[in-house]
Amino acid sequence: MKASDLKRVKEIEAENTKLKRMYAEMALEKQAIKDLLGKL
């Protein structure tokens, strides 16, 4: 594996981590909204 390949893998891993965090936040928000609407 070349150095450029390794750099690209690290970039993809960082983006993947960011996307996972975004998904987790959205899932929490969705659940909070569902909980809130369920109480109305």
PDB file of N, CA and C in Angstrom:
ATOM      1  N   MET A   1       0.852  -1.189   0.000  1.00  0.00           N
ATOM      2  CA  MET A   1       0.000   0.000   0.000  1.00  0.00           C
ATOM      3  C   MET A   1       0.893   1.246   0.000  1.00  0.00           C
ATOM      4  N   LYS A   2       0.576   2.157  -0.882  1.00  0.00           N
ATOM      5  CA  LYS A   2       1.360   3.389  -0.995  1.00  0.00           C
ATOM      6  C   LYS A   2       0.953   4.383   0.086  1.00  0.00           C
ATOM      7  N   ALA A   3       1.808   5.359   0.313  1.00  0.00           N
ATOM      8  CA  ALA A   3       1.527   6.390   1.312  1.00  0.00           C
ATOM      9  C   ALA A   3       0.242   7.144   0.965  1.00  0.00           C
ATOM     10  N   SER A   4       0.009   7.384  -0.320  1.00  0.00           N
ATOM     11  CA  SER A   4      -1.203   8.100  -0.730  1.00  0.00           C
ATOM     12  C   SER A   4      -2.451   7.269  -0.429  1.00  0.00           C
ATOM     13  N   ASP A   5      -2.331   5.949  -0.581  1.00  0.00           N
ATOM     14  CA  ASP A   5      -3.455   5.064  -0.259  1.00  0.00           C
ATOM     15  C   ASP A   5      -3.761   5.116   1.233  1.00  0.00           C
ATOM     16  N   LEU A   6      -2.705   5.089   2.033  1.00  0.00           N
ATOM     17  CA  LEU A   6      -2.871   5.135   3.478  1.00  0.00           C
ATOM     18  C   LEU A   6      -3.532   6.450   3.909  1.00  0.00           C
ATOM     19  N   LYS A   7      -3.114   7.537   3.281  1.00  0.00           N
ATOM     20  CA  LYS A   7      -3.707   8.848   3.590  1.00  0.00           C
ATOM     21  C   LYS A   7      -5.193   8.837   3.255  1.00  0.00           C
ATOM     22  N   ARG A   8      -5.536   8.266   2.115  1.00  0.00           N
ATOM     23  CA  ARG A   8      -6.943   8.214   1.684  1.00  0.00           C
ATOM     24  C   ARG A   8      -7.771   7.366   2.646  1.00  0.00           C
ATOM     25  N   VAL A   9      -7.215   6.251   3.091  1.00  0.00           N
ATOM     26  CA  VAL A   9      -7.922   5.392   4.046  1.00  0.00           C
ATOM     27  C   VAL A   9      -8.200   6.167   5.332  1.00  0.00           C
ATOM     28  N   LYS A  10      -7.209   6.909   5.801  1.00  0.00           N
ATOM     29  CA  LYS A  10      -7.388   7.695   7.028  1.00  0.00           C
ATOM     30  C   LYS A  10      -8.457   8.771   6.831  1.00  0.00           C
ATOM     31  N   GLU A  11      -8.494   9.391   5.659  1.00  0.00           N
ATOM     32  CA  GLU A  11      -9.521  10.397   5.372  1.00  0.00           C
ATOM     33  C   GLU A  11     -10.914   9.766   5.379  1.00  0.00           C
ATOM     34  N   ILE A  12     -11.026   8.604   4.772  1.00  0.00           N
ATOM     35  CA  ILE A  12     -12.316   7.904   4.716  1.00  0.00           C
ATOM     36  C   ILE A  12     -12.751   7.486   6.122  1.00  0.00           C
ATOM     37  N   GLU A  13     -11.819   7.007   6.926  1.00  0.00           N
ATOM     38  CA  GLU A  13     -12.142   6.621   8.299  1.00  0.00           C
ATOM     39  C   GLU A  13     -12.627   7.821   9.101  1.00  0.00           C
ATOM     40  N   ALA A  14     -11.994   8.973   8.918  1.00  0.00           N
ATOM     41  CA  ALA A  14     -12.407  10.189   9.633  1.00  0.00           C
ATOM     42  C   ALA A  14     -13.807  10.602   9.198  1.00  0.00           C
ATOM     43  N   GLU A  15     -14.072  10.529   7.897  1.00  0.00           N
ATOM     44  CA  GLU A  15     -15.400  10.885   7.397  1.00  0.00           C
ATOM     45  C   GLU A  15     -16.445   9.908   7.926  1.00  0.00           C
ATOM     46  N   ASN A  16     -16.102   8.633   7.967  1.00  0.00           N
ATOM     47  CA  ASN A  16     -17.011   7.607   8.472  1.00  0.00           C
ATOM     48  C   ASN A  16     -17.368   7.873   9.934  1.00  0.00           C
ATOM     49  N   THR A  17     -16.374   8.234  10.726  1.00  0.00           N
ATOM     50  CA  THR A  17     -16.601   8.551  12.139  1.00  0.00           C
ATOM     51  C   THR A  17     -17.541   9.738  12.270  1.00  0.00           C
ATOM     52  N   LYS A  18     -17.309  10.766  11.446  1.00  0.00           N
ATOM     53  CA  LYS A  18     -18.156  11.961  11.463  1.00  0.00           C
ATOM     54  C   LYS A  18     -19.602  11.610  11.097  1.00  0.00           C
ATOM     55  N   LEU A  19     -19.769  10.789  10.069  1.00  0.00           N
ATOM     56  CA  LEU A  19     -21.112  10.409   9.634  1.00  0.00           C
ATOM     57  C   LEU A  19     -21.821   9.566  10.692  1.00  0.00           C
ATOM     58  N   LYS A  20     -21.083   8.685  11.344  1.00  0.00           N
ATOM     59  CA  LYS A  20     -21.677   7.875  12.421  1.00  0.00           C
ATOM     60  C   LYS A  20     -22.166   8.768  13.555  1.00  0.00           C
ATOM     61  N   ARG A  21     -21.376   9.787  13.896  1.00  0.00           N
ATOM     62  CA  ARG A  21     -21.763  10.724  14.956  1.00  0.00           C
ATOM     63  C   ARG A  21     -23.020  11.487  14.547  1.00  0.00           C
ATOM     64  N   MET A  22     -23.057  11.935  13.281  1.00  0.00           N
ATOM     65  CA  MET A  22     -24.239  12.654  12.787  1.00  0.00           C
ATOM     66  C   MET A  22     -25.477  11.761  12.851  1.00  0.00           C
ATOM     67  N   TYR A  23     -25.320  10.493  12.453  1.00  0.00           N
ATOM     68  CA  TYR A  23     -26.445   9.563  12.482  1.00  0.00           C
ATOM     69  C   TYR A  23     -26.942   9.365  13.916  1.00  0.00           C
ATOM     70  N   ALA A  24     -26.014   9.209  14.852  1.00  0.00           N
ATOM     71  CA  ALA A  24     -26.389   9.004  16.249  1.00  0.00           C
ATOM     72  C   ALA A  24     -27.159  10.212  16.781  1.00  0.00           C
ATOM     73  N   GLU A  25     -26.704  11.412  16.446  1.00  0.00           N
ATOM     74  CA  GLU A  25     -27.400  12.625  16.888  1.00  0.00           C
ATOM     75  C   GLU A  25     -28.804  12.694  16.299  1.00  0.00           C
ATOM     76  N   MET A  26     -28.934  12.365  15.016  1.00  0.00           N
ATOM     77  CA  MET A  26     -30.246  12.410  14.371  1.00  0.00           C
ATOM     78  C   MET A  26     -31.181  11.357  14.964  1.00  0.00           C
ATOM     79  N   ALA A  27     -30.651  10.181  15.274  1.00  0.00           N
ATOM     80  CA  ALA A  27     -31.466   9.123  15.872  1.00  0.00           C
ATOM     81  C   ALA A  27     -31.968   9.559  17.255  1.00  0.00           C
ATOM     82  N   LEU A  28     -31.096  10.219  18.023  1.00  0.00           N
ATOM     83  CA  LEU A  28     -31.504  10.713  19.342  1.00  0.00           C
ATOM     84  C   LEU A  28     -32.583  11.787  19.210  1.00  0.00           C
ATOM     85  N   GLU A  29     -32.401  12.693  18.258  1.00  0.00           N
ATOM     86  CA  GLU A  29     -33.395  13.748  18.042  1.00  0.00           C
ATOM     87  C   GLU A  29     -34.733  13.148  17.631  1.00  0.00           C
ATOM     88  N   LYS A  30     -34.696  12.163  16.746  1.00  0.00           N
ATOM     89  CA  LYS A  30     -35.925  11.514  16.293  1.00  0.00           C
ATOM     90  C   LYS A  30     -36.644  10.865  17.467  1.00  0.00           C
ATOM     91  N   GLN A  31     -35.890  10.181  18.324  1.00  0.00           N
ATOM     92  CA  GLN A  31     -36.497   9.528  19.484  1.00  0.00           C
ATOM     93  C   GLN A  31     -37.074  10.559  20.443  1.00  0.00           C
ATOM     94  N   ALA A  32     -36.365  11.674  20.641  1.00  0.00           N
ATOM     95  CA  ALA A  32     -36.863  12.726  21.530  1.00  0.00           C
ATOM     96  C   ALA A  32     -38.169  13.305  20.997  1.00  0.00           C
ATOM     97  N   ILE A  33     -38.240  13.505  19.678  1.00  0.00           N
ATOM     98  CA  ILE A  33     -39.470  14.026  19.060  1.00  0.00           C
ATOM     99  C   ILE A  33     -40.616  13.031  19.221  1.00  0.00           C
ATOM    100  N   LYS A  34     -40.311  11.751  19.005  1.00  0.00           N
ATOM    101  CA  LYS A  34     -41.341  10.726  19.167  1.00  0.00           C
ATOM    102  C   LYS A  34     -41.850  10.698  20.606  1.00  0.00           C
ATOM    103  N   ASP A  35     -40.933  10.785  21.566  1.00  0.00           N
ATOM    104  CA  ASP A  35     -41.316  10.790  22.978  1.00  0.00           C
ATOM    105  C   ASP A  35     -42.193  11.998  23.291  1.00  0.00           C
ATOM    106  N   LEU A  36     -41.789  13.148  22.761  1.00  0.00           N
ATOM    107  CA  LEU A  36     -42.526  14.381  23.005  1.00  0.00           C
ATOM    108  C   LEU A  36     -43.927  14.300  22.398  1.00  0.00           C
ATOM    109  N   LEU A  37     -44.024  13.831  21.174  1.00  0.00           N
ATOM    110  CA  LEU A  37     -45.328  13.727  20.509  1.00  0.00           C
ATOM    111  C   LEU A  37     -46.215  12.685  21.188  1.00  0.00           C
ATOM    112  N   GLY A  38     -45.588  11.667  21.743  1.00  0.00           N
ATOM    113  CA  GLY A  38     -46.351  10.629  22.438  1.00  0.00           C
ATOM    114  C   GLY A  38     -47.010  11.136  23.704  1.00  0.00           C
ATOM    115  N   LYS A  39     -46.485  12.221  24.253  1.00  0.00           N
ATOM    116  CA  LYS A  39     -47.026  12.771  25.498  1.00  0.00           C
ATOM    117  C   LYS A  39     -48.146  13.769  25.244  1.00  0.00           C
ATOM    118  N   LEU A  40     -48.393  14.117  23.992  1.00  0.00           N
ATOM    119  CA  LEU A  40     -49.436  15.113  23.681  1.00  0.00           C
ATOM    120  C   LEU A  40     -50.814  14.472  23.672  1.00  0.00           C
TER     121      LEU A  40
END
